[in-house]
C-alpha atoms as a PDB file:
ATOM      1  CA  MET A   1      47.300 203.827 119.278  1.00  0.00           C
ATOM      2  CA  GLY A   2      44.307 206.035 118.867  1.00  0.00           C
ATOM      3  CA  ALA A   3      42.992 207.509 115.738  1.00  0.00           C
ATOM      4  CA  GLY A   4      43.863 210.989 116.873  1.00  0.00           C
ATOM      5  CA  HIS A   5      47.542 210.216 117.351  1.00  0.00           C
ATOM      6  CA  SER A   6      49.466 212.564 115.069  1.00  0.00           C
ATOM      7  CA  HIS A   7      53.068 212.602 113.944  1.00  0.00           C
ATOM      8  CA  ALA A   8      55.660 215.155 112.912  1.00  0.00           C
ATOM      9  CA  LEU A   9      55.232 214.511 109.188  1.00  0.00           C
ATOM     10  CA  TYR A  10      51.457 215.092 109.171  1.00  0.00           C
ATOM     11  CA  VAL A  11      50.009 218.417 107.989  1.00  0.00           C
ATOM     12  CA  HIS A  12      46.555 219.199 109.363  1.00  0.00           C
ATOM     13  CA  GLU A  13      44.572 220.300 106.339  1.00  0.00           C
ATOM     14  CA  HIS A  14      41.246 219.480 104.708  1.00  0.00           C
ATOM     15  CA  SER A  15      42.278 219.040 101.109  1.00  0.00           C
ATOM     16  CA  PHE A  16      40.905 216.548  98.620  1.00  0.00           C
ATOM     17  CA  ILE A  17      44.001 214.381  99.033  1.00  0.00           C
ATOM     18  CA  HIS A  18      43.630 214.395 102.840  1.00  0.00           C
ATOM     19  CA  ARG A  19      40.099 213.096 102.465  1.00  0.00           C
ATOM     20  CA  LEU A  20      41.027 210.179 100.199  1.00  0.00           C
ATOM     21  CA  PRO A  21      40.959 206.755 101.889  1.00  0.00           C
ATOM     22  CA  PRO A  22      44.454 205.600 102.939  1.00  0.00           C
ATOM     23  CA  GLU A  23      44.439 202.383 100.931  1.00  0.00           C
ATOM     24  CA  ALA A  24      43.915 204.360  97.723  1.00  0.00           C
ATOM     25  CA  LYS A  25      46.753 206.724  98.564  1.00  0.00           C
ATOM     26  CA  VAL A  26      49.118 203.825  99.390  1.00  0.00           C
ATOM     27  CA  VAL A  27      48.398 202.175  96.030  1.00  0.00           C
ATOM     28  CA  ALA A  28      48.879 205.475  94.207  1.00  0.00           C
ATOM     29  CA  ALA A  29      52.187 206.119  95.997  1.00  0.00           C
ATOM     30  CA  VAL A  30      53.543 202.675  95.137  1.00  0.00           C
ATOM     31  CA  GLY A  31      52.444 203.040  91.535  1.00  0.00           C
ATOM     32  CA  LEU A  32      54.095 206.441  91.157  1.00  0.00           C
ATOM     33  CA  VAL A  33      57.368 205.322  92.698  1.00  0.00           C
ATOM     34  CA  VAL A  34      57.596 202.127  90.608  1.00  0.00           C
ATOM     35  CA  SER A  35      56.754 203.990  87.381  1.00  0.00           C
ATOM     36  CA  SER A  36      59.509 206.507  87.979  1.00  0.00           C
ATOM     37  CA  ALA A  37      61.967 203.822  89.026  1.00  0.00           C
ATOM     38  CA  VAL A  38      61.709 201.957  85.722  1.00  0.00           C
ATOM     39  CA  THR A  39      61.945 205.120  83.644  1.00  0.00           C
ATOM     40  CA  PRO A  40      65.275 205.304  81.737  1.00  0.00           C
ATOM     41  CA  ARG A  41      67.610 207.975  83.098  1.00  0.00           C
ATOM     42  CA  GLU A  42      67.994 209.528  79.634  1.00  0.00           C
ATOM     43  CA  ALA A  43      64.266 210.355  79.434  1.00  0.00           C
ATOM     44  CA  ILE A  44      64.570 213.819  80.968  1.00  0.00           C
ATOM     45  CA  TRP A  45      61.246 214.873  79.493  1.00  0.00           C
ATOM     46  CA  ALA A  46      59.536 212.065  81.415  1.00  0.00           C
ATOM     47  CA  PHE A  47      61.007 213.214  84.741  1.00  0.00           C
ATOM     48  CA  ALA A  48      59.912 216.775  83.910  1.00  0.00           C
ATOM     49  CA  ALA A  49      56.369 215.418  83.411  1.00  0.00           C
ATOM     50  CA  TYR A  50      56.571 213.578  86.749  1.00  0.00           C
ATOM     51  CA  GLY A  51      57.678 216.815  88.401  1.00  0.00           C
ATOM     52  CA  VAL A  52      54.711 218.730  86.958  1.00  0.00           C
ATOM     53  CA  ILE A  53      52.247 216.098  88.226  1.00  0.00           C
ATOM     54  CA  LEU A  54      53.904 216.019  91.634  1.00  0.00           C
ATOM     55  CA  GLY A  55      53.803 219.807  91.831  1.00  0.00           C
ATOM     56  CA  LEU A  56      50.061 219.727  91.110  1.00  0.00           C
ATOM     57  CA  LEU A  57      49.529 217.114  93.809  1.00  0.00           C
ATOM     58  CA  VAL A  58      51.486 219.185  96.333  1.00  0.00           C
ATOM     59  CA  ALA A  59      49.438 222.254  95.436  1.00  0.00           C
ATOM     60  CA  ILE A  60      46.149 220.337  95.824  1.00  0.00           C
ATOM     61  CA  SER A  61      47.262 218.885  99.158  1.00  0.00           C
ATOM     62  CA  ARG A  62      48.165 222.383 100.526  1.00  0.00           C
ATOM     63  CA  VAL A  63      51.375 220.992 102.009  1.00  0.00           C
ATOM     64  CA  PRO A  64      53.721 223.979 102.497  1.00  0.00           C
ATOM     65  CA  LEU A  65      56.797 223.940 100.276  1.00  0.00           C
ATOM     66  CA  ARG A  66      59.003 224.781 103.240  1.00  0.00           C
ATOM     67  CA  PHE A  67      57.642 221.786 105.122  1.00  0.00           C
ATOM     68  CA  LEU A  68      58.386 219.560 102.117  1.00  0.00           C
ATOM     69  CA  ALA A  69      61.875 221.016 101.588  1.00  0.00           C
ATOM     70  CA  VAL A  70      62.902 220.503 105.210  1.00  0.00           C
ATOM     71  CA  ARG A  71      61.809 216.855 105.162  1.00  0.00           C
ATOM     72  CA  LEU A  72      63.658 216.293 101.893  1.00  0.00           C
ATOM     73  CA  LEU A  73      66.904 217.080 103.734  1.00  0.00           C
ATOM     74  CA  ALA A  74      66.749 213.435 104.820  1.00  0.00           C
ATOM     75  CA  LEU A  75      67.973 212.618 101.319  1.00  0.00           C
ATOM     76  CA  THR A  76      71.280 214.411 101.983  1.00  0.00           C
ATOM     77  CA  PRO A  77      73.342 211.130 102.268  1.00  0.00           C
ATOM     78  CA  PHE A  78      72.070 210.029  98.848  1.00  0.00           C
ATOM     79  CA  VAL A  79      72.895 213.437  97.393  1.00  0.00           C
ATOM     80  CA  MET A  80      76.430 213.329  98.790  1.00  0.00           C
ATOM     81  CA  PHE A  81      76.971 209.822  97.405  1.00  0.00           C
ATOM     82  CA  ALA A  82      75.586 210.806  93.984  1.00  0.00           C
ATOM     83  CA  LEU A  83      77.861 213.833  93.764  1.00  0.00           C
ATOM     84  CA  LEU A  84      80.912 211.585  94.229  1.00  0.00           C
ATOM     85  CA  ILE A  85      80.005 209.256  91.343  1.00  0.00           C
ATOM     86  CA  PRO A  86      81.129 211.574  88.474  1.00  0.00           C
ATOM     87  CA  VAL A  87      84.482 212.002  90.215  1.00  0.00           C
ATOM     88  CA  ILE A  88      85.294 208.361  90.878  1.00  0.00           C
ATOM     89  CA  ALA A  89      83.584 206.715  87.859  1.00  0.00           C
ATOM     90  CA  SER A  90      85.598 205.666  84.810  1.00  0.00           C
ATOM     91  CA  GLY A  91      84.988 205.989  81.075  1.00  0.00           C
ATOM     92  CA  GLN A  92      84.771 209.061  78.867  1.00  0.00           C
ATOM     93  CA  THR A  93      85.130 212.330  80.679  1.00  0.00           C
ATOM     94  CA  VAL A  94      84.014 215.941  80.219  1.00  0.00           C
ATOM     95  CA  THR A  95      85.548 219.033  81.793  1.00  0.00           C
ATOM     96  CA  ILE A  96      83.153 221.167  83.825  1.00  0.00           C
ATOM     97  CA  GLY A  97      84.530 224.088  85.783  1.00  0.00           C
ATOM     98  CA  GLY A  98      88.047 222.843  85.344  1.00  0.00           C
ATOM     99  CA  VAL A  99      87.213 219.420  86.807  1.00  0.00           C
ATOM    100  CA  GLU A 100      87.218 216.236  84.765  1.00  0.00           C
ATOM    101  CA  LEU A 101      84.010 214.309  85.341  1.00  0.00           C
ATOM    102  CA  SER A 102      82.920 210.931  84.017  1.00  0.00           C
ATOM    103  CA  ILE A 103      80.013 211.149  81.561  1.00  0.00           C
ATOM    104  CA  GLU A 104      78.707 207.804  82.743  1.00  0.00           C
ATOM    105  CA  GLY A 105      79.106 209.024  86.308  1.00  0.00           C
ATOM    106  CA  LEU A 106      77.097 212.165  85.570  1.00  0.00           C
ATOM    107  CA  TRP A 107      74.247 210.070  84.225  1.00  0.00           C
ATOM    108  CA  GLY A 108      74.470 207.817  87.275  1.00  0.00           C
ATOM    109  CA  ALA A 109      74.367 210.808  89.618  1.00  0.00           C
ATOM    110  CA  TRP A 110      71.381 212.267  87.774  1.00  0.00           C
ATOM    111  CA  ASN A 111      69.566 208.894  87.955  1.00  0.00           C
ATOM    112  CA  ILE A 112      70.047 208.604  91.716  1.00  0.00           C
ATOM    113  CA  LEU A 113      69.182 212.219  92.445  1.00  0.00           C
ATOM    114  CA  ILE A 114      65.998 212.518  90.397  1.00  0.00           C
ATOM    115  CA  LYS A 115      64.544 209.150  91.420  1.00  0.00           C
ATOM    116  CA  ALA A 116      65.379 209.727  95.098  1.00  0.00           C
ATOM    117  CA  LEU A 117      63.772 213.159  94.888  1.00  0.00           C
ATOM    118  CA  ILE A 118      60.578 211.736  93.326  1.00  0.00           C
ATOM    119  CA  GLY A 119      60.393 208.838  95.776  1.00  0.00           C
ATOM    120  CA  GLY A 120      61.096 211.101  98.746  1.00  0.00           C
ATOM    121  CA  THR A 121      58.479 213.644  97.663  1.00  0.00           C
ATOM    122  CA  VAL A 122      55.819 210.970  97.144  1.00  0.00           C
ATOM    123  CA  SER A 123      56.604 209.414 100.552  1.00  0.00           C
ATOM    124  CA  ILE A 124      56.505 212.745 102.384  1.00  0.00           C
ATOM    125  CA  LEU A 125      53.286 213.744 100.608  1.00  0.00           C
ATOM    126  CA  LEU A 126      51.680 210.439 101.657  1.00  0.00           C
ATOM    127  CA  ALA A 127      52.747 210.916 105.280  1.00  0.00           C
ATOM    128  CA  ALA A 128      51.771 214.591 105.265  1.00  0.00           C
ATOM    129  CA  THR A 129      48.208 213.832 104.163  1.00  0.00           C
ATOM    130  CA  THR A 130      47.611 210.580 106.080  1.00  0.00           C
ATOM    131  CA  GLU A 131      47.892 209.801 109.785  1.00  0.00           C
ATOM    132  CA  ILE A 132      50.111 206.809 110.569  1.00  0.00           C
ATOM    133  CA  PRO A 133      47.216 204.776 112.088  1.00  0.00           C
ATOM    134  CA  GLU A 134      45.322 205.382 108.870  1.00  0.00           C
ATOM    135  CA  ILE A 135      48.222 204.178 106.761  1.00  0.00           C
ATOM    136  CA  ILE A 136      48.412 201.030 108.849  1.00  0.00           C
ATOM    137  CA  ARG A 137      44.653 200.540 108.467  1.00  0.00           C
ATOM    138  CA  GLY A 138      45.007 201.019 104.709  1.00  0.00           C
ATOM    139  CA  LEU A 139      47.585 198.256 104.604  1.00  0.00           C
ATOM    140  CA  GLY A 140      45.133 195.991 106.348  1.00  0.00           C
ATOM    141  CA  VAL A 141      42.411 196.818 103.850  1.00  0.00           C
ATOM    142  CA  LEU A 142      44.875 195.959 101.026  1.00  0.00           C
ATOM    143  CA  ARG A 143      45.261 192.500 102.579  1.00  0.00           C
ATOM    144  CA  VAL A 144      48.863 192.990 103.637  1.00  0.00           C
ATOM    145  CA  PRO A 145      49.686 190.022 105.961  1.00  0.00           C
ATOM    146  CA  ALA A 146      48.188 190.624 109.417  1.00  0.00           C
ATOM    147  CA  LEU A 147      51.500 189.786 111.117  1.00  0.00           C
ATOM    148  CA  PHE A 148      53.313 192.538 109.204  1.00  0.00           C
ATOM    149  CA  VAL A 149      50.549 195.052 109.969  1.00  0.00           C
ATOM    150  CA  SER A 150      50.655 194.216 113.684  1.00  0.00           C
ATOM    151  CA  ILE A 151      54.462 194.443 113.833  1.00  0.00           C
ATOM    152  CA  ALA A 152      54.440 197.791 112.045  1.00  0.00           C
ATOM    153  CA  THR A 153      51.680 199.124 114.334  1.00  0.00           C
ATOM    154  CA  PHE A 154      53.477 198.245 117.542  1.00  0.00           C
ATOM    155  CA  MET A 155      56.904 199.248 116.194  1.00  0.00           C
ATOM    156  CA  ILE A 156      55.732 202.764 115.370  1.00  0.00           C
ATOM    157  CA  ARG A 157      53.933 203.169 118.652  1.00  0.00           C
ATOM    158  CA  TYR A 158      56.708 201.847 120.880  1.00  0.00           C
ATOM    159  CA  LEU A 159      59.566 203.536 119.037  1.00  0.00           C
ATOM    160  CA  GLU A 160      57.996 206.806 120.184  1.00  0.00           C
ATOM    161  CA  LEU A 161      57.639 205.526 123.754  1.00  0.00           C
ATOM    162  CA  VAL A 162      61.212 204.213 123.881  1.00  0.00           C
ATOM    163  CA  ALA A 163      62.648 207.429 122.385  1.00  0.00           C
ATOM    164  CA  SER A 164      60.662 209.500 124.931  1.00  0.00           C
ATOM    165  CA  GLU A 165      61.846 207.336 127.832  1.00  0.00           C
ATOM    166  CA  LEU A 166      65.458 207.485 126.648  1.00  0.00           C
ATOM    167  CA  GLY A 167      65.161 211.270 126.531  1.00  0.00           C
ATOM    168  CA  ARG A 168      63.920 211.353 130.112  1.00  0.00           C
ATOM    169  CA  MET A 169      66.776 209.088 131.221  1.00  0.00           C
ATOM    170  CA  ARG A 170      69.294 211.324 129.456  1.00  0.00           C
ATOM    171  CA  LEU A 171      67.786 214.404 131.137  1.00  0.00           C
ATOM    172  CA  ALA A 172      67.940 212.736 134.558  1.00  0.00           C
ATOM    173  CA  MET A 173      71.608 211.841 134.004  1.00  0.00           C
ATOM    174  CA  THR A 174      72.406 215.418 132.981  1.00  0.00           C
ATOM    175  CA  ALA A 175      70.627 216.747 136.079  1.00  0.00           C
ATOM    176  CA  ARG A 176      72.959 214.568 138.167  1.00  0.00           C
ATOM    177  CA  GLY A 177      76.066 216.087 136.590  1.00  0.00           C
ATOM    178  CA  TYR A 178      76.684 213.682 133.735  1.00  0.00           C
ATOM    179  CA  ASP A 179      78.397 215.646 130.962  1.00  0.00           C
ATOM    180  CA  PRO A 180      80.522 213.385 128.711  1.00  0.00           C
ATOM    181  CA  ARG A 181      83.304 215.035 126.769  1.00  0.00           C
ATOM    182  CA  TRP A 182      85.236 211.972 125.614  1.00  0.00           C
ATOM    183  CA  ILE A 183      84.210 208.726 123.935  1.00  0.00           C
ATOM    184  CA  THR A 184      85.352 206.787 126.970  1.00  0.00           C
ATOM    185  CA  GLN A 185      82.816 208.632 129.110  1.00  0.00           C
ATOM    186  CA  THR A 186      79.793 207.369 127.145  1.00  0.00           C
ATOM    187  CA  ARG A 187      79.638 204.002 128.955  1.00  0.00           C
ATOM    188  CA  PRO A 188      76.666 205.089 131.121  1.00  0.00           C
ATOM    189  CA  ILE A 189      74.690 205.851 127.979  1.00  0.00           C
ATOM    190  CA  ALA A 190      75.328 202.303 126.688  1.00  0.00           C
ATOM    191  CA  ALA A 191      74.305 200.870 130.062  1.00  0.00           C
ATOM    192  CA  ALA A 192      71.129 202.982 130.083  1.00  0.00           C
ATOM    193  CA  ALA A 193      70.283 201.883 126.529  1.00  0.00           C
ATOM    194  CA  GLY A 194      70.747 198.221 127.505  1.00  0.00           C
ATOM    195  CA  SER A 195      68.539 198.657 130.560  1.00  0.00           C
ATOM    196  CA  LEU A 196      65.921 200.399 128.427  1.00  0.00           C
ATOM    197  CA  PHE A 197      65.957 197.546 125.896  1.00  0.00           C
ATOM    198  CA  ILE A 198      65.284 194.965 128.616  1.00  0.00           C
ATOM    199  CA  ARG A 199      62.499 197.047 130.127  1.00  0.00           C
ATOM    200  CA  SER A 200      60.957 197.565 126.695  1.00  0.00           C
ATOM    201  CA  TYR A 201      61.043 193.850 125.964  1.00  0.00           C
ATOM    202  CA  GLU A 202      59.366 193.074 129.270  1.00  0.00           C
ATOM    203  CA  ARG A 203      56.763 195.784 128.628  1.00  0.00           C
ATOM    204  CA  GLY A 204      56.021 194.307 125.231  1.00  0.00           C
ATOM    205  CA  GLU A 205      55.397 190.886 126.793  1.00  0.00           C
ATOM    206  CA  ARG A 206      53.071 192.426 129.376  1.00  0.00           C
ATOM    207  CA  VAL A 207      51.135 194.373 126.756  1.00  0.00           C
ATOM    208  CA  HIS A 208      50.812 191.312 124.531  1.00  0.00           C
ATOM    209  CA  ALA A 209      49.570 189.176 127.442  1.00  0.00           C
ATOM    210  CA  ALA A 210      47.014 191.860 128.331  1.00  0.00           C
ATOM    211  CA  MET A 211      45.796 192.067 124.741  1.00  0.00           C
ATOM    212  CA  VAL A 212      45.458 188.275 124.463  1.00  0.00           C
ATOM    213  CA  ALA A 213      43.495 188.247 127.705  1.00  0.00           C
ATOM    214  CA  ARG A 214      41.073 190.717 126.112  1.00  0.00           C
ATOM    215  CA  GLY A 215      40.537 188.598 123.032  1.00  0.00           C
ATOM    216  CA  PHE A 216      43.278 189.828 120.657  1.00  0.00           C
ATOM    217  CA  THR A 217      43.625 187.347 117.779  1.00  0.00           C
ATOM    218  CA  GLY A 218      46.328 189.090 115.746  1.00  0.00           C
ATOM    219  CA  LEU A 219      44.045 191.460 113.853  1.00  0.00           C
ATOM    220  CA  MET A 220      43.713 195.106 114.837  1.00  0.00           C
ATOM    221  CA  PRO A 221      40.090 196.171 115.345  1.00  0.00           C
ATOM    222  CA  SER A 222      38.470 198.270 112.614  1.00  0.00           C
ATOM    223  CA  LEU A 223      37.339 201.737 113.635  1.00  0.00           C
ATOM    224  CA  GLY A 224      34.684 201.816 110.910  1.00  0.00           C
ATOM    225  CA  ARG A 225      36.376 204.484 108.807  1.00  0.00           C
ATOM    226  CA  ARG A 226      35.346 205.142 105.216  1.00  0.00           C
ATOM    227  CA  THR A 227      36.802 202.731 102.671  1.00  0.00           C
ATOM    228  CA  ALA A 228      37.671 203.561  99.104  1.00  0.00           C
ATOM    229  CA  THR A 229      34.729 203.788  96.696  1.00  0.00           C
ATOM    230  CA  GLY A 230      34.652 203.051  93.004  1.00  0.00           C
ATOM    231  CA  ALA A 231      35.131 206.761  92.266  1.00  0.00           C
ATOM    232  CA  ASP A 232      38.204 206.878  94.523  1.00  0.00           C
ATOM    233  CA  TRP A 233      39.768 203.898  92.759  1.00  0.00           C
ATOM    234  CA  ALA A 234      38.901 205.356  89.363  1.00  0.00           C
ATOM    235  CA  GLY A 235      40.741 208.597  90.217  1.00  0.00           C
ATOM    236  CA  VAL A 236      43.736 206.781  91.582  1.00  0.00           C
ATOM    237  CA  GLY A 237      43.776 204.444  88.616  1.00  0.00           C
ATOM    238  CA  ALA A 238      43.699 207.380  86.178  1.00  0.00           C
ATOM    239  CA  LEU A 239      46.663 208.959  87.976  1.00  0.00           C
ATOM    240  CA  ILE A 240      48.662 205.769  87.918  1.00  0.00           C
ATOM    241  CA  MET A 241      47.776 205.236  84.247  1.00  0.00           C
ATOM    242  CA  VAL A 242      49.244 208.653  83.397  1.00  0.00           C
ATOM    243  CA  TRP A 243      52.535 207.681  85.097  1.00  0.00           C
ATOM    244  CA  VAL A 244      52.532 204.240  83.406  1.00  0.00           C
ATOM    245  CA  VAL A 245      51.976 205.806  80.008  1.00  0.00           C
ATOM    246  CA  ILE A 246      54.857 208.206  80.572  1.00  0.00           C
ATOM    247  CA  ALA A 247      57.122 205.373  81.726  1.00  0.00           C
ATOM    248  CA  THR A 248      56.096 203.161  78.790  1.00  0.00           C
ATOM    249  CA  LEU A 249      56.781 205.913  76.276  1.00  0.00           C
ATOM    250  CA  ALA A 250      60.136 206.606  77.871  1.00  0.00           C
ATOM    251  CA  LEU A 251      61.083 202.911  77.687  1.00  0.00           C
ATOM    252  CA  SER A 252      59.962 202.599  74.070  1.00  0.00           C
ATOM    253  CA  LEU A 253      61.894 205.703  72.986  1.00  0.00           C
ATOM    254  CA  SER A 254      65.096 204.815  74.828  1.00  0.00           C
END
């Protein structure tokens, strides 16, 4: 998994946020998500402040709004679930547009929607400004258990390989006239997926044996990239402190 390996969520830019070391960005992302998660749902002013800060970060990162909006569509299942809560929840109701909606359900829907939006935006911004190998390296710098880092590294790499190979198998089947129209005709797909799983497992064993033979001890080699400096940590700490102050005020006023 080379350092130049890019992914669909990454935006090639040269902004200040792109240049920050990955470990600093990971800590900042976790801090921002946790701060917003503990903020009471009634503190609308706090979420507005979070939105302003996130908007500034997106502007600094030069990540296109269209790029961000398209990736946020992954939150659609959460949105659909949240929209159902006011309809099925009990308690006091209010009529909006001729429909009786639960007040408690409306607050619950708002809580899910705004926190999912903040968490999704932070995650996409992290991925858009940091290559996946760099994120993995940042986790190692932060002393995340080596086993977890190794598993995450190989999982990301081989998910792409497996998906690509499954696509080639599907294309080969289509070229030979396979065109399923009923659920009962999908058996070949299941057989192909099973065969691919076995081949992937065997490939993983061969790769691991080859790495051990070359001296692999469970730790991924460092590529000598820049690590976070005191100034980097000071900037990240200041950003997290702003979010913590907002969350603390929101909790004290609730």
